[in-house]
Amino acid sequence: EKGSLEVGKFADMVVLSNDLIQCSDEAILDTKILM
């Protein structure tokens, strides 16, 4: 039902200001919750 973005699952999502996979370690801490 949740935990990944897939058709049929709940549309529960968060939009972040940074890409947590690609950004630097230091930039992680600057990440904001946009939505």
PDB file of all heavy atoms in Angstrom:
ATOM      1  N   GLU A   1       0.800  -1.219   0.000  1.00  0.00           N
ATOM      2  CA  GLU A   1       0.000   0.000   0.000  1.00  0.00           C
ATOM      3  C   GLU A   1       0.836   1.275   0.000  1.00  0.00           C
ATOM      4  O   GLU A   1       0.355   2.340  -0.407  1.00  0.00           O
ATOM      5  CB  GLU A   1      -0.912   0.043   1.235  1.00  0.00           C
ATOM      6  CG  GLU A   1      -2.041  -0.966   1.232  1.00  0.00           C
ATOM      7  CD  GLU A   1      -1.565  -2.375   1.585  1.00  0.00           C
ATOM      8  OE1 GLU A   1      -0.702  -2.516   2.475  1.00  0.00           O
ATOM      9  OE2 GLU A   1      -2.058  -3.330   0.948  1.00  0.00           O
ATOM     10  N   LYS A   2       2.069   1.190   0.476  1.00  0.00           N
ATOM     11  CA  LYS A   2       2.878   2.396   0.633  1.00  0.00           C
ATOM     12  C   LYS A   2       4.356   2.049   0.577  1.00  0.00           C
ATOM     13  O   LYS A   2       4.742   0.899   0.451  1.00  0.00           O
ATOM     14  CB  LYS A   2       2.554   3.085   1.964  1.00  0.00           C
ATOM     15  CG  LYS A   2       2.867   2.235   3.181  1.00  0.00           C
ATOM     16  CD  LYS A   2       2.664   2.971   4.493  1.00  0.00           C
ATOM     17  CE  LYS A   2       1.232   3.218   4.824  1.00  0.00           C
ATOM     18  NZ  LYS A   2       1.045   3.665   6.249  1.00  0.00           N
ATOM     19  N   GLY A   3       5.192   3.081   0.648  1.00  0.00           N
ATOM     20  CA  GLY A   3       6.638   2.856   0.712  1.00  0.00           C
ATOM     21  C   GLY A   3       7.365   3.063  -0.597  1.00  0.00           C
ATOM     22  O   GLY A   3       8.587   3.156  -0.624  1.00  0.00           O
ATOM     23  N   SER A   4       6.639   3.129  -1.706  1.00  0.00           N
ATOM     24  CA  SER A   4       7.241   3.396  -3.016  1.00  0.00           C
ATOM     25  C   SER A   4       6.192   4.027  -3.918  1.00  0.00           C
ATOM     26  O   SER A   4       4.986   3.910  -3.670  1.00  0.00           O
ATOM     27  CB  SER A   4       7.772   2.098  -3.651  1.00  0.00           C
ATOM     28  OG  SER A   4       6.731   1.154  -3.817  1.00  0.00           O
ATOM     29  N   LEU A   5       6.670   4.695  -4.964  1.00  0.00           N
ATOM     30  CA  LEU A   5       5.765   5.350  -5.902  1.00  0.00           C
ATOM     31  C   LEU A   5       5.395   4.358  -6.997  1.00  0.00           C
ATOM     32  O   LEU A   5       6.137   4.153  -7.951  1.00  0.00           O
ATOM     33  CB  LEU A   5       6.430   6.595  -6.497  1.00  0.00           C
ATOM     34  CG  LEU A   5       6.796   7.681  -5.494  1.00  0.00           C
ATOM     35  CD1 LEU A   5       7.500   8.840  -6.205  1.00  0.00           C
ATOM     36  CD2 LEU A   5       5.566   8.180  -4.745  1.00  0.00           C
ATOM     37  N   GLU A   6       4.242   3.715  -6.843  1.00  0.00           N
ATOM     38  CA  GLU A   6       3.774   2.711  -7.800  1.00  0.00           C
ATOM     39  C   GLU A   6       2.279   2.873  -8.010  1.00  0.00           C
ATOM     40  O   GLU A   6       1.549   3.289  -7.101  1.00  0.00           O
ATOM     41  CB  GLU A   6       4.062   1.295  -7.286  1.00  0.00           C
ATOM     42  CG  GLU A   6       5.536   0.964  -7.098  1.00  0.00           C
ATOM     43  CD  GLU A   6       5.737  -0.452  -6.589  1.00  0.00           C
ATOM     44  OE1 GLU A   6       5.276  -1.386  -7.277  1.00  0.00           O
ATOM     45  OE2 GLU A   6       6.343  -0.620  -5.508  1.00  0.00           O
ATOM     46  N   VAL A   7       1.830   2.531  -9.205  1.00  0.00           N
ATOM     47  CA  VAL A   7       0.404   2.572  -9.514  1.00  0.00           C
ATOM     48  C   VAL A   7      -0.336   1.645  -8.553  1.00  0.00           C
ATOM     49  O   VAL A   7       0.065   0.504  -8.327  1.00  0.00           O
ATOM     50  CB  VAL A   7       0.145   2.145 -10.971  1.00  0.00           C
ATOM     51  CG1 VAL A   7      -1.360   2.057 -11.245  1.00  0.00           C
ATOM     52  CG2 VAL A   7       0.793   3.130 -11.936  1.00  0.00           C
ATOM     53  N   GLY A   8      -1.392   2.163  -7.945  1.00  0.00           N
ATOM     54  CA  GLY A   8      -2.201   1.354  -7.040  1.00  0.00           C
ATOM     55  C   GLY A   8      -1.882   1.568  -5.578  1.00  0.00           C
ATOM     56  O   GLY A   8      -2.658   1.157  -4.711  1.00  0.00           O
ATOM     57  N   LYS A   9      -0.749   2.209  -5.282  1.00  0.00           N
ATOM     58  CA  LYS A   9      -0.407   2.499  -3.892  1.00  0.00           C
ATOM     59  C   LYS A   9      -0.948   3.875  -3.496  1.00  0.00           C
ATOM     60  O   LYS A   9      -1.329   4.689  -4.336  1.00  0.00           O
ATOM     61  CB  LYS A   9       1.109   2.459  -3.690  1.00  0.00           C
ATOM     62  CG  LYS A   9       1.711   1.049  -3.742  1.00  0.00           C
ATOM     63  CD  LYS A   9       3.163   1.053  -3.266  1.00  0.00           C
ATOM     64  CE  LYS A   9       3.711  -0.356  -3.154  1.00  0.00           C
ATOM     65  NZ  LYS A   9       5.074  -0.380  -2.578  1.00  0.00           N
ATOM     66  N   PHE A  10      -0.955   4.128  -2.180  1.00  0.00           N
ATOM     67  CA  PHE A  10      -1.385   5.434  -1.698  1.00  0.00           C
ATOM     68  C   PHE A  10      -0.520   6.530  -2.305  1.00  0.00           C
ATOM     69  O   PHE A  10       0.704   6.370  -2.424  1.00  0.00           O
ATOM     70  CB  PHE A  10      -1.264   5.517  -0.173  1.00  0.00           C
ATOM     71  CG  PHE A  10      -2.123   4.536   0.577  1.00  0.00           C
ATOM     72  CD1 PHE A  10      -1.660   3.940   1.743  1.00  0.00           C
ATOM     73  CD2 PHE A  10      -3.398   4.226   0.144  1.00  0.00           C
ATOM     74  CE1 PHE A  10      -2.445   3.053   2.453  1.00  0.00           C
ATOM     75  CE2 PHE A  10      -4.198   3.328   0.840  1.00  0.00           C
ATOM     76  CZ  PHE A  10      -3.714   2.737   1.995  1.00  0.00           C
ATOM     77  N   ALA A  11      -1.135   7.643  -2.625  1.00  0.00           N
ATOM     78  CA  ALA A  11      -0.386   8.793  -3.154  1.00  0.00           C
ATOM     79  C   ALA A  11       0.142   9.621  -1.986  1.00  0.00           C
ATOM     80  O   ALA A  11      -0.261  10.767  -1.771  1.00  0.00           O
ATOM     81  CB  ALA A  11      -1.280   9.623  -4.075  1.00  0.00           C
ATOM     82  N   ASP A  12       1.031   8.994  -1.214  1.00  0.00           N
ATOM     83  CA  ASP A  12       1.683   9.650  -0.077  1.00  0.00           C
ATOM     84  C   ASP A  12       3.109   9.973  -0.497  1.00  0.00           C
ATOM     85  O   ASP A  12       3.907   9.062  -0.764  1.00  0.00           O
ATOM     86  CB  ASP A  12       1.711   8.736   1.144  1.00  0.00           C
ATOM     87  CG  ASP A  12       0.323   8.374   1.660  1.00  0.00           C
ATOM     88  OD1 ASP A  12      -0.664   8.949   1.164  1.00  0.00           O
ATOM     89  OD2 ASP A  12       0.236   7.526   2.565  1.00  0.00           O
ATOM     90  N   MET A  13       3.446  11.262  -0.547  1.00  0.00           N
ATOM     91  CA  MET A  13       4.742  11.664  -1.093  1.00  0.00           C
ATOM     92  C   MET A  13       5.296  12.868  -0.348  1.00  0.00           C
ATOM     93  O   MET A  13       4.560  13.593   0.315  1.00  0.00           O
ATOM     94  CB  MET A  13       4.607  12.030  -2.580  1.00  0.00           C
ATOM     95  CG  MET A  13       4.250  10.867  -3.480  1.00  0.00           C
ATOM     96  SD  MET A  13       3.726  11.425  -5.120  1.00  0.00           S
ATOM     97  CE  MET A  13       1.975  11.690  -4.850  1.00  0.00           C
ATOM     98  N   VAL A  14       6.594  13.073  -0.499  1.00  0.00           N
ATOM     99  CA  VAL A  14       7.232  14.284   0.010  1.00  0.00           C
ATOM    100  C   VAL A  14       8.124  14.844  -1.092  1.00  0.00           C
ATOM    101  O   VAL A  14       8.770  14.083  -1.829  1.00  0.00           O
ATOM    102  CB  VAL A  14       8.035  14.006   1.292  1.00  0.00           C
ATOM    103  CG1 VAL A  14       9.132  12.975   1.062  1.00  0.00           C
ATOM    104  CG2 VAL A  14       8.626  15.288   1.861  1.00  0.00           C
ATOM    105  N   VAL A  15       8.105  16.161  -1.252  1.00  0.00           N
ATOM    106  CA  VAL A  15       8.961  16.841  -2.225  1.00  0.00           C
ATOM    107  C   VAL A  15      10.075  17.535  -1.449  1.00  0.00           C
ATOM    108  O   VAL A  15       9.807  18.340  -0.551  1.00  0.00           O
ATOM    109  CB  VAL A  15       8.162  17.866  -3.050  1.00  0.00           C
ATOM    110  CG1 VAL A  15       9.079  18.552  -4.063  1.00  0.00           C
ATOM    111  CG2 VAL A  15       6.987  17.185  -3.749  1.00  0.00           C
ATOM    112  N   LEU A  16      11.333  17.220  -1.800  1.00  0.00           N
ATOM    113  CA  LEU A  16      12.497  17.748  -1.097  1.00  0.00           C
ATOM    114  C   LEU A  16      13.245  18.757  -1.958  1.00  0.00           C
ATOM    115  O   LEU A  16      13.160  18.724  -3.193  1.00  0.00           O
ATOM    116  CB  LEU A  16      13.452  16.612  -0.716  1.00  0.00           C
ATOM    117  CG  LEU A  16      12.861  15.459   0.107  1.00  0.00           C
ATOM    118  CD1 LEU A  16      13.902  14.367   0.307  1.00  0.00           C
ATOM    119  CD2 LEU A  16      12.341  15.962   1.440  1.00  0.00           C
ATOM    120  N   SER A  17      14.029  19.597  -1.312  1.00  0.00           N
ATOM    121  CA  SER A  17      14.792  20.608  -2.048  1.00  0.00           C
ATOM    122  C   SER A  17      16.083  20.056  -2.631  1.00  0.00           C
ATOM    123  O   SER A  17      16.713  20.705  -3.467  1.00  0.00           O
ATOM    124  CB  SER A  17      15.118  21.788  -1.117  1.00  0.00           C
ATOM    125  OG  SER A  17      15.939  21.366  -0.041  1.00  0.00           O
ATOM    126  N   ASN A  18      16.491  18.861  -2.197  1.00  0.00           N
ATOM    127  CA  ASN A  18      17.708  18.228  -2.711  1.00  0.00           C
ATOM    128  C   ASN A  18      17.442  16.792  -3.121  1.00  0.00           C
ATOM    129  O   ASN A  18      16.526  16.136  -2.591  1.00  0.00           O
ATOM    130  CB  ASN A  18      18.823  18.224  -1.647  1.00  0.00           C
ATOM    131  CG  ASN A  18      19.536  19.545  -1.527  1.00  0.00           C
ATOM    132  OD1 ASN A  18      19.772  20.221  -2.525  1.00  0.00           O
ATOM    133  ND2 ASN A  18      19.866  19.934  -0.303  1.00  0.00           N
ATOM    134  N   ASP A  19      18.263  16.278  -4.021  1.00  0.00           N
ATOM    135  CA  ASP A  19      18.255  14.865  -4.393  1.00  0.00           C
ATOM    136  C   ASP A  19      19.160  14.134  -3.404  1.00  0.00           C
ATOM    137  O   ASP A  19      20.388  14.260  -3.459  1.00  0.00           O
ATOM    138  CB  ASP A  19      18.780  14.704  -5.828  1.00  0.00           C
ATOM    139  CG  ASP A  19      18.807  13.252  -6.286  1.00  0.00           C
ATOM    140  OD1 ASP A  19      18.686  12.341  -5.440  1.00  0.00           O
ATOM    141  OD2 ASP A  19      18.975  13.031  -7.499  1.00  0.00           O
ATOM    142  N   LEU A  20      18.567  13.383  -2.490  1.00  0.00           N
ATOM    143  CA  LEU A  20      19.350  12.751  -1.431  1.00  0.00           C
ATOM    144  C   LEU A  20      20.286  11.656  -1.929  1.00  0.00           C
ATOM    145  O   LEU A  20      21.198  11.252  -1.210  1.00  0.00           O
ATOM    146  CB  LEU A  20      18.412  12.177  -0.360  1.00  0.00           C
ATOM    147  CG  LEU A  20      17.613  13.194   0.455  1.00  0.00           C
ATOM    148  CD1 LEU A  20      16.743  12.491   1.495  1.00  0.00           C
ATOM    149  CD2 LEU A  20      18.534  14.208   1.125  1.00  0.00           C
ATOM    150  N   ILE A  21      20.078  11.185  -3.136  1.00  0.00           N
ATOM    151  CA  ILE A  21      20.999  10.197  -3.709  1.00  0.00           C
ATOM    152  C   ILE A  21      22.251  10.873  -4.258  1.00  0.00           C
ATOM    153  O   ILE A  21      23.369  10.377  -4.097  1.00  0.00           O
ATOM    154  CB  ILE A  21      20.313   9.396  -4.835  1.00  0.00           C
ATOM    155  CG1 ILE A  21      19.128   8.602  -4.284  1.00  0.00           C
ATOM    156  CG2 ILE A  21      21.305   8.455  -5.507  1.00  0.00           C
ATOM    157  CD1 ILE A  21      19.491   7.482  -3.334  1.00  0.00           C
ATOM    158  N   GLN A  22      22.086  12.035  -4.868  1.00  0.00           N
ATOM    159  CA  GLN A  22      23.181  12.660  -5.611  1.00  0.00           C
ATOM    160  C   GLN A  22      23.899  13.787  -4.857  1.00  0.00           C
ATOM    161  O   GLN A  22      25.056  14.081  -5.164  1.00  0.00           O
ATOM    162  CB  GLN A  22      22.644  13.228  -6.940  1.00  0.00           C
ATOM    163  CG  GLN A  22      21.984  12.201  -7.835  1.00  0.00           C
ATOM    164  CD  GLN A  22      22.948  11.151  -8.352  1.00  0.00           C
ATOM    165  OE1 GLN A  22      24.151  11.379  -8.401  1.00  0.00           O
ATOM    166  NE2 GLN A  22      22.416   9.996  -8.737  1.00  0.00           N
ATOM    167  N   CYS A  23      23.248  14.426  -3.920  1.00  0.00           N
ATOM    168  CA  CYS A  23      23.852  15.607  -3.301  1.00  0.00           C
ATOM    169  C   CYS A  23      25.031  15.231  -2.403  1.00  0.00           C
ATOM    170  O   CYS A  23      25.198  14.075  -2.017  1.00  0.00           O
ATOM    171  CB  CYS A  23      22.801  16.393  -2.516  1.00  0.00           C
ATOM    172  SG  CYS A  23      22.240  15.606  -0.989  1.00  0.00           S
ATOM    173  N   SER A  24      25.838  16.211  -2.057  1.00  0.00           N
ATOM    174  CA  SER A  24      26.975  15.976  -1.165  1.00  0.00           C
ATOM    175  C   SER A  24      26.493  15.677   0.245  1.00  0.00           C
ATOM    176  O   SER A  24      25.347  15.949   0.596  1.00  0.00           O
ATOM    177  CB  SER A  24      27.877  17.210  -1.134  1.00  0.00           C
ATOM    178  OG  SER A  24      27.207  18.288  -0.495  1.00  0.00           O
ATOM    179  N   ASP A  25      27.381  15.112   1.066  1.00  0.00           N
ATOM    180  CA  ASP A  25      27.022  14.848   2.451  1.00  0.00           C
ATOM    181  C   ASP A  25      26.567  16.124   3.154  1.00  0.00           C
ATOM    182  O   ASP A  25      25.568  16.136   3.880  1.00  0.00           O
ATOM    183  CB  ASP A  25      28.218  14.252   3.211  1.00  0.00           C
ATOM    184  CG  ASP A  25      28.499  12.800   2.834  1.00  0.00           C
ATOM    185  OD1 ASP A  25      27.658  12.200   2.134  1.00  0.00           O
ATOM    186  OD2 ASP A  25      29.540  12.280   3.260  1.00  0.00           O
ATOM    187  N   GLU A  26      27.312  17.208   2.927  1.00  0.00           N
ATOM    188  CA  GLU A  26      26.993  18.461   3.599  1.00  0.00           C
ATOM    189  C   GLU A  26      25.624  18.996   3.168  1.00  0.00           C
ATOM    190  O   GLU A  26      24.879  19.571   3.971  1.00  0.00           O
ATOM    191  CB  GLU A  26      28.074  19.511   3.315  1.00  0.00           C
ATOM    192  CG  GLU A  26      29.441  19.189   3.891  1.00  0.00           C
ATOM    193  CD  GLU A  26      30.155  18.044   3.158  1.00  0.00           C
ATOM    194  OE1 GLU A  26      29.839  17.800   1.964  1.00  0.00           O
ATOM    195  OE2 GLU A  26      30.997  17.387   3.791  1.00  0.00           O
ATOM    196  N   ALA A  27      25.283  18.795   1.899  1.00  0.00           N
ATOM    197  CA  ALA A  27      24.013  19.311   1.378  1.00  0.00           C
ATOM    198  C   ALA A  27      22.808  18.571   1.947  1.00  0.00           C
ATOM    199  O   ALA A  27      21.693  19.116   1.939  1.00  0.00           O
ATOM    200  CB  ALA A  27      24.007  19.243  -0.150  1.00  0.00           C
ATOM    201  N   ILE A  28      23.031  17.357   2.427  1.00  0.00           N
ATOM    202  CA  ILE A  28      21.909  16.617   3.027  1.00  0.00           C
ATOM    203  C   ILE A  28      21.255  17.449   4.118  1.00  0.00           C
ATOM    204  O   ILE A  28      20.024  17.582   4.187  1.00  0.00           O
ATOM    205  CB  ILE A  28      22.392  15.269   3.607  1.00  0.00           C
ATOM    206  CG1 ILE A  28      22.820  14.309   2.495  1.00  0.00           C
ATOM    207  CG2 ILE A  28      21.281  14.627   4.451  1.00  0.00           C
ATOM    208  CD1 ILE A  28      23.477  13.032   3.003  1.00  0.00           C
ATOM    209  N   LEU A  29      22.082  18.055   4.961  1.00  0.00           N
ATOM    210  CA  LEU A  29      21.565  18.790   6.113  1.00  0.00           C
ATOM    211  C   LEU A  29      20.880  20.092   5.716  1.00  0.00           C
ATOM    212  O   LEU A  29      20.144  20.676   6.519  1.00  0.00           O
ATOM    213  CB  LEU A  29      22.694  19.067   7.102  1.00  0.00           C
ATOM    214  CG  LEU A  29      23.293  17.813   7.755  1.00  0.00           C
ATOM    215  CD1 LEU A  29      24.515  18.172   8.569  1.00  0.00           C
ATOM    216  CD2 LEU A  29      22.248  17.110   8.623  1.00  0.00           C
ATOM    217  N   ASP A  30      21.104  20.549   4.497  1.00  0.00           N
ATOM    218  CA  ASP A  30      20.438  21.763   3.999  1.00  0.00           C
ATOM    219  C   ASP A  30      19.098  21.455   3.343  1.00  0.00           C
ATOM    220  O   ASP A  30      18.391  22.368   2.894  1.00  0.00           O
ATOM    221  CB  ASP A  30      21.335  22.484   2.987  1.00  0.00           C
ATOM    222  CG  ASP A  30      22.628  22.987   3.613  1.00  0.00           C
ATOM    223  OD1 ASP A  30      22.596  23.344   4.804  1.00  0.00           O
ATOM    224  OD2 ASP A  30      23.665  23.007   2.919  1.00  0.00           O
ATOM    225  N   THR A  31      18.762  20.183   3.259  1.00  0.00           N
ATOM    226  CA  THR A  31      17.544  19.772   2.561  1.00  0.00           C
ATOM    227  C   THR A  31      16.290  20.236   3.309  1.00  0.00           C
ATOM    228  O   THR A  31      16.170  20.044   4.521  1.00  0.00           O
ATOM    229  CB  THR A  31      17.520  18.238   2.398  1.00  0.00           C
ATOM    230  OG1 THR A  31      18.685  17.831   1.679  1.00  0.00           O
ATOM    231  CG2 THR A  31      16.272  17.787   1.650  1.00  0.00           C
ATOM    232  N   LYS A  32      15.382  20.830   2.574  1.00  0.00           N
ATOM    233  CA  LYS A  32      14.127  21.332   3.139  1.00  0.00           C
ATOM    234  C   LYS A  32      12.940  20.501   2.637  1.00  0.00           C
ATOM    235  O   LYS A  32      12.988  19.954   1.522  1.00  0.00           O
ATOM    236  CB  LYS A  32      13.901  22.798   2.749  1.00  0.00           C
ATOM    237  CG  LYS A  32      15.056  23.730   3.053  1.00  0.00           C
ATOM    238  CD  LYS A  32      15.368  23.791   4.533  1.00  0.00           C
ATOM    239  CE  LYS A  32      16.505  24.766   4.806  1.00  0.00           C
ATOM    240  NZ  LYS A  32      16.931  24.715   6.237  1.00  0.00           N
ATOM    241  N   ILE A  33      11.917  20.443   3.452  1.00  0.00           N
ATOM    242  CA  ILE A  33      10.658  19.823   3.032  1.00  0.00           C
ATOM    243  C   ILE A  33       9.856  20.887   2.293  1.00  0.00           C
ATOM    244  O   ILE A  33       9.431  21.882   2.886  1.00  0.00           O
ATOM    245  CB  ILE A  33       9.852  19.308   4.239  1.00  0.00           C
ATOM    246  CG1 ILE A  33      10.714  18.422   5.147  1.00  0.00           C
ATOM    247  CG2 ILE A  33       8.595  18.571   3.761  1.00  0.00           C
ATOM    248  CD1 ILE A  33      11.292  17.208   4.476  1.00  0.00           C
ATOM    249  N   LEU A  34       9.670  20.704   1.003  1.00  0.00           N
ATOM    250  CA  LEU A  34       8.927  21.686   0.212  1.00  0.00           C
ATOM    251  C   LEU A  34       7.426  21.407   0.219  1.00  0.00           C
ATOM    252  O   LEU A  34       6.624  22.330   0.215  1.00  0.00           O
ATOM    253  CB  LEU A  34       9.438  21.689  -1.229  1.00  0.00           C
ATOM    254  CG  LEU A  34      10.922  22.029  -1.422  1.00  0.00           C
ATOM    255  CD1 LEU A  34      11.273  22.013  -2.903  1.00  0.00           C
ATOM    256  CD2 LEU A  34      11.263  23.374  -0.789  1.00  0.00           C
ATOM    257  N   MET A  35       7.085  20.111   0.253  1.00  0.00           N
ATOM    258  CA  MET A  35       5.677  19.757   0.161  1.00  0.00           C
ATOM    259  C   MET A  35       5.472  18.345   0.708  1.00  0.00           C
ATOM    260  O   MET A  35       6.296  17.462   0.479  1.00  0.00           O
ATOM    261  CB  MET A  35       5.228  19.813  -1.301  1.00  0.00           C
ATOM    262  CG  MET A  35       3.732  19.764  -1.532  1.00  0.00           C
ATOM    263  SD  MET A  35       3.371  19.897  -3.317  1.00  0.00           S
ATOM    264  CE  MET A  35       3.988  21.570  -3.644  1.00  0.00           C
TER     265      MET A  35
END
